[in-house]
N, C-alpha and C. Protein backbone atom coordinates (compact mmCIF):
# COMPACT_ATOMS: atom_id res chain seq x y z
N MET A 1 1.29 -1.30 0.12
CA MET A 1 0.07 -0.12 -0.01
C MET A 1 0.80 1.35 0.20
N LYS A 2 0.11 2.08 -0.55
CA LYS A 2 1.08 3.43 -0.93
C LYS A 2 0.12 4.55 -0.34
N ASN A 3 0.38 5.44 -0.07
CA ASN A 3 -0.56 6.56 0.32
C ASN A 3 0.57 8.36 0.69
N ILE A 4 0.41 9.01 0.17
CA ILE A 4 1.03 10.12 0.06
C ILE A 4 0.32 11.32 1.46
N ILE A 5 1.10 11.74 2.33
CA ILE A 5 0.31 12.01 3.53
C ILE A 5 1.45 13.31 3.79
N ASN A 6 0.63 14.70 3.99
CA ASN A 6 1.76 16.13 4.11
C ASN A 6 2.71 16.11 3.03
N GLY A 7 2.25 15.23 1.50
CA GLY A 7 3.42 16.14 0.76
C GLY A 7 4.49 14.77 0.72
N LYS A 8 4.51 13.55 1.61
CA LYS A 8 5.61 12.74 1.59
C LYS A 8 4.84 11.23 1.47
N VAL A 9 5.72 10.48 0.71
CA VAL A 9 4.96 9.27 0.12
C VAL A 9 5.52 8.06 1.71
N TYR A 10 4.67 7.57 1.75
CA TYR A 10 4.84 6.26 2.49
C TYR A 10 4.85 4.77 1.71
N ASP A 11 5.02 3.91 1.84
CA ASP A 11 4.97 2.77 0.93
C ASP A 11 5.83 1.29 1.72
N THR A 12 4.38 0.49 1.68
CA THR A 12 4.75 -0.25 2.82
C THR A 12 5.60 -1.81 1.92
N GLU A 13 5.97 -1.02 0.59
CA GLU A 13 7.12 -1.82 0.21
C GLU A 13 8.20 -1.74 0.58
N THR A 14 8.47 -0.13 0.53
CA THR A 14 10.17 0.17 0.82
C THR A 14 10.47 0.37 2.37
N ALA A 15 9.27 0.45 3.19
CA ALA A 15 9.12 0.74 4.52
C ALA A 15 9.70 -0.32 4.88
N GLU A 16 10.15 -0.47 6.44
CA GLU A 16 11.03 -2.02 7.23
C GLU A 16 9.23 -2.00 8.28
N LEU A 17 9.08 -3.36 7.79
CA LEU A 17 8.37 -4.00 8.97
C LEU A 17 8.56 -4.24 9.98
N ILE A 18 7.88 -3.51 10.98
CA ILE A 18 8.12 -3.98 12.55
C ILE A 18 7.52 -5.56 13.32
N CYS A 19 6.31 -4.92 13.40
CA CYS A 19 5.30 -6.07 13.49
C CYS A 19 4.01 -5.42 13.17
N SER A 20 3.25 -7.09 13.51
CA SER A 20 2.34 -6.53 13.11
C SER A 20 0.90 -7.34 13.73
N TYR A 21 -0.07 -6.56 14.12
CA TYR A 21 -2.19 -7.71 14.55
C TYR A 21 -2.92 -7.84 13.99
N LYS A 22 -3.14 -9.12 14.10
CA LYS A 22 -4.48 -9.80 13.27
C LYS A 22 -5.52 -10.18 14.14
N TYR A 23 -6.51 -9.78 13.80
CA TYR A 23 -7.74 -10.03 14.54
C TYR A 23 -8.89 -10.63 13.45
N GLY A 24 -9.28 -11.88 13.71
CA GLY A 24 -10.42 -12.56 12.73
C GLY A 24 -9.66 -12.84 11.20
N TYR A 25 -10.48 -13.17 10.14
CA TYR A 25 -10.07 -13.08 9.02
C TYR A 25 -10.70 -12.36 8.48
N GLU A 26 -9.99 -11.85 7.16
CA GLU A 26 -10.27 -10.58 6.10
C GLU A 26 -11.37 -11.35 5.49
N GLY A 27 -12.43 -10.50 5.10
CA GLY A 27 -13.87 -10.40 4.93
C GLY A 27 -14.96 -10.04 5.96
N ASP A 28 -14.28 -10.49 7.51
CA ASP A 28 -15.07 -11.20 8.17
C ASP A 28 -15.26 -9.34 8.78
N PHE A 29 -16.62 -9.22 9.25
CA PHE A 29 -17.47 -7.58 9.68
C PHE A 29 -16.34 -7.27 10.80
N ARG A 30 -16.11 -7.66 12.02
CA ARG A 30 -14.73 -7.01 12.71
C ARG A 30 -13.44 -7.40 12.24
N TYR A 31 -13.51 -7.79 11.16
CA TYR A 31 -11.81 -7.73 11.07
C TYR A 31 -10.83 -7.12 11.31
N VAL A 32 -9.90 -7.09 11.66
CA VAL A 32 -8.84 -5.92 11.33
C VAL A 32 -7.16 -6.37 11.82
N TYR A 33 -7.08 -5.80 10.64
CA TYR A 33 -5.16 -6.01 10.57
C TYR A 33 -4.45 -4.28 10.63
N GLU A 34 -3.42 -4.62 11.78
CA GLU A 34 -2.73 -3.38 11.62
C GLU A 34 -1.02 -3.99 11.78
N ALA A 35 -0.30 -2.99 10.99
CA ALA A 35 1.03 -3.37 10.80
C ALA A 35 1.56 -2.22 10.92
N LEU A 36 2.76 -2.19 11.92
CA LEU A 36 3.90 -1.11 12.28
C LEU A 36 4.88 -1.29 11.06
N TYR A 37 4.85 0.10 10.37
CA TYR A 37 6.17 0.40 9.29
C TYR A 37 6.78 1.53 10.46
N LYS A 38 8.29 1.34 9.35
CA LYS A 38 9.41 2.31 9.96
C LYS A 38 9.81 2.72 8.61
N SER A 39 9.91 4.06 7.76
CA SER A 39 10.01 4.60 6.79
C SER A 39 11.64 4.62 6.57
N TYR A 40 12.07 4.73 5.69
CA TYR A 40 13.70 5.12 5.56
C TYR A 40 14.29 6.11 6.18
N ASN A 41 13.36 7.66 6.65
CA ASN A 41 13.81 9.03 7.24
C ASN A 41 13.11 8.76 8.92
N GLY A 42 12.93 7.60 9.27
CA GLY A 42 12.66 7.55 10.41
C GLY A 42 11.09 7.32 11.00
N GLN A 43 10.46 7.69 10.13
CA GLN A 43 8.95 8.10 10.38
C GLN A 43 8.34 6.80 10.59
N PHE A 44 7.49 6.47 11.58
CA PHE A 44 6.49 5.49 12.58
C PHE A 44 5.06 5.39 11.57
N PHE A 45 4.70 4.32 11.09
CA PHE A 45 3.20 4.56 10.06
C PHE A 45 2.67 3.35 10.47
N ILE A 46 1.57 3.38 10.75
CA ILE A 46 0.62 1.86 11.09
C ILE A 46 -0.12 2.02 9.35
N GLU A 47 0.07 0.62 8.32
CA GLU A 47 -1.00 0.19 7.32
C GLU A 47 -2.28 -0.21 8.28
N TYR A 48 -3.39 -0.12 8.14
CA TYR A 48 -4.60 -0.61 8.47
C TYR A 48 -5.71 -1.51 7.79
N LYS A 49 -6.29 -2.32 8.04
CA LYS A 49 -7.35 -2.80 7.39
C LYS A 49 -8.71 -3.53 8.60
N GLY A 50 -9.82 -3.14 8.10
CA GLY A 50 -10.86 -3.40 8.78
C GLY A 50 -11.75 -3.73 8.34
N GLY A 51 -13.17 -4.70 8.99
CA GLY A 51 -14.48 -4.55 8.50
C GLY A 51 -15.09 -3.68 8.56
N ALA A 52 -16.64 -4.17 8.13
CA ALA A 52 -17.63 -2.90 8.28
C ALA A 52 -18.00 -2.85 10.16
N MET A 53 -17.54 -3.59 10.59
CA MET A 53 -18.09 -3.46 12.55
C MET A 53 -16.77 -3.33 12.99
N SER A 54 -15.55 -2.85 12.12
CA SER A 54 -14.28 -2.87 12.90
C SER A 54 -13.99 -1.13 13.09
N LYS A 55 -12.74 -0.49 14.10
CA LYS A 55 -12.57 0.65 14.29
C LYS A 55 -12.21 1.15 12.96
N TYR A 56 -11.97 0.71 11.71
CA TYR A 56 -11.81 0.84 10.47
C TYR A 56 -13.14 1.30 9.78
N SER A 57 -13.67 0.72 10.44
CA SER A 57 -15.79 0.85 9.15
C SER A 57 -15.46 2.12 8.26
N GLU A 58 -15.65 2.58 7.21
CA GLU A 58 -16.22 4.12 6.86
C GLU A 58 -17.71 3.67 6.56
N ILE A 59 -18.51 4.82 7.03
CA ILE A 59 -19.88 4.73 7.27
C ILE A 59 -20.57 5.44 6.35
N THR A 60 -21.35 5.31 5.06
CA THR A 60 -21.56 5.97 3.71
C THR A 60 -23.14 6.36 4.20
N GLY A 61 -23.85 5.97 4.78
CA GLY A 61 -24.76 6.68 4.65
C GLY A 61 -25.97 5.88 6.01
N PRO A 62 -27.29 6.19 6.17
CA PRO A 62 -27.79 5.70 6.79
C PRO A 62 -27.60 3.82 7.12
N ASN A 63 -27.48 3.14 8.25
CA ASN A 63 -27.43 2.16 8.26
C ASN A 63 -26.61 1.42 6.96
N GLU A 64 -25.55 1.98 6.80
CA GLU A 64 -24.69 1.76 5.42
C GLU A 64 -23.03 1.59 6.06
N ALA A 65 -21.82 0.59 6.11
CA ALA A 65 -20.64 0.65 6.23
C ALA A 65 -20.05 -0.36 5.61
N PHE A 66 -19.29 0.02 5.49
CA PHE A 66 -17.80 -0.55 4.56
C PHE A 66 -16.94 -0.84 5.32
N GLY A 67 -15.88 -1.90 5.00
CA GLY A 67 -14.43 -1.97 5.60
C GLY A 67 -13.57 -0.82 4.91
N GLY A 68 -12.70 -0.05 6.24
CA GLY A 68 -11.95 0.35 5.33
C GLY A 68 -10.48 0.71 5.48
N SER A 69 -9.97 1.32 5.20
CA SER A 69 -8.25 1.09 4.85
C SER A 69 -7.25 1.93 4.98
N GLY A 70 -6.15 2.03 5.26
CA GLY A 70 -5.14 3.12 4.52
C GLY A 70 -3.95 3.06 5.59
N ILE A 71 -3.39 4.01 5.76
CA ILE A 71 -2.10 4.72 6.43
C ILE A 71 -2.18 5.51 7.08
N ARG A 72 -1.52 5.43 8.41
CA ARG A 72 -1.83 6.51 9.57
C ARG A 72 -0.25 6.57 10.26
N LEU A 73 0.36 8.53 9.92
CA LEU A 73 1.08 8.49 10.63
C LEU A 73 1.02 8.14 12.42
N ILE A 74 2.47 7.62 12.93
CA ILE A 74 2.35 8.03 14.42
C ILE A 74 3.28 8.31 15.49
N ASP A 75 3.63 8.54 16.23
CA ASP A 75 4.37 8.93 16.73
C ASP A 75 5.77 8.04 17.46
N GLU A 76 6.85 8.34 18.35
CA GLU A 76 7.81 7.20 18.86
C GLU A 76 6.77 6.56 19.57
N ASP A 77 5.92 7.04 20.91
CA ASP A 77 5.28 6.45 21.68
C ASP A 77 4.46 5.82 21.60
N GLU A 78 3.78 5.90 20.44
CA GLU A 78 2.48 5.23 19.56
C GLU A 78 2.97 3.64 19.56
N ALA A 79 4.41 4.19 18.80
CA ALA A 79 4.98 2.67 17.87
C ALA A 79 5.58 1.75 19.00
N ARG A 80 6.18 2.67 20.07
CA ARG A 80 6.15 1.79 21.70
C ARG A 80 5.19 1.07 22.52
N ASP A 81 3.53 1.46 22.01
CA ASP A 81 3.08 1.02 22.89
C ASP A 81 2.50 0.06 21.98
N PHE A 82 2.23 0.02 20.40
CA PHE A 82 1.97 -0.96 20.00
C PHE A 82 3.15 -2.28 19.62
N ILE A 83 4.46 -1.95 19.55
CA ILE A 83 5.08 -3.12 19.57
C ILE A 83 4.84 -3.62 21.33
N GLU A 84 4.95 -3.05 22.01
CA GLU A 84 5.12 -3.52 23.42
C GLU A 84 3.38 -4.38 23.79
N SER A 85 2.73 -4.55 22.90
CA SER A 85 1.47 -4.90 22.81
C SER A 85 1.34 -5.73 22.07
N ASN A 86 1.54 -6.08 20.84
CA ASN A 86 2.13 -7.03 19.73
C ASN A 86 3.16 -7.12 19.09
N GLY A 87 4.23 -6.77 19.45
CA GLY A 87 5.36 -7.45 19.29
C GLY A 87 6.18 -7.94 19.81
N SER A 88 7.63 -8.14 19.60
CA SER A 88 8.69 -8.84 21.06
C SER A 88 9.74 -8.08 21.23
N THR A 89 10.43 -8.84 21.90
CA THR A 89 12.10 -7.79 22.19
C THR A 89 12.79 -7.55 20.72
N GLU A 90 12.76 -8.56 19.72
CA GLU A 90 13.37 -8.43 18.66
C GLU A 90 12.48 -7.22 17.54
N ASP A 91 11.49 -7.12 17.99
CA ASP A 91 10.51 -6.08 16.96
C ASP A 91 11.25 -4.75 17.99
N TYR A 92 11.43 -4.80 19.01
CA TYR A 92 11.90 -3.68 19.48
C TYR A 92 12.93 -3.19 19.17
N VAL A 93 14.05 -4.01 19.30
CA VAL A 93 14.98 -3.92 19.32
C VAL A 93 15.37 -2.86 17.85
N LYS A 94 14.89 -4.01 16.16
CA LYS A 94 14.91 -3.50 14.99
C LYS A 94 14.32 -2.28 15.11
N ALA A 95 13.34 -1.59 16.00
CA ALA A 95 12.96 -0.78 16.04
C ALA A 95 13.65 0.69 16.45
N PHE A 96 14.05 0.97 17.84
CA PHE A 96 14.59 1.57 18.33
C PHE A 96 16.12 1.02 19.01
N GLY A 97 16.54 -0.22 18.91
CA GLY A 97 17.72 -0.49 19.21
C GLY A 97 18.30 -0.48 20.70
N GLU A 98 19.01 -1.54 20.79
CA GLU A 98 19.21 -2.29 22.15
C GLU A 98 18.24 -1.26 23.00
N PRO A 99 17.52 -1.73 24.23
CA PRO A 99 17.40 -0.57 25.43
C PRO A 99 17.92 -0.74 26.46
N GLU A 100 18.24 0.05 27.47
CA GLU A 100 19.13 0.03 28.55
C GLU A 100 18.26 -0.76 29.49
N GLU A 101 19.36 -1.55 30.28
CA GLU A 101 19.03 -2.69 31.28
C GLU A 101 18.12 -2.01 32.60
N GLY A 102 17.19 -2.57 32.86
CA GLY A 102 16.15 -2.43 34.21
C GLY A 102 16.72 -2.25 35.11
């Protein structure tokens, strides 16, 4: 998927995939897919897809909703939260480098 946001191109083909989350099966009304990417310039973004009853649904009229998809930019704090909820230690290191010991 490729989108232009604020005059810059964000492309899942050229960005680094960090980790992803999936709920349900594609085609289900409640299906959700989110993938965290990091662009060459260090910007984090999420590619998302969702069914007609997911948080990514697009309302088109009374009692009418369709699945939605797109790309949204996120900051480093949101990326950390996404990795901590859906990724692994290796994913964290891939995105931010080795963390200091607690």
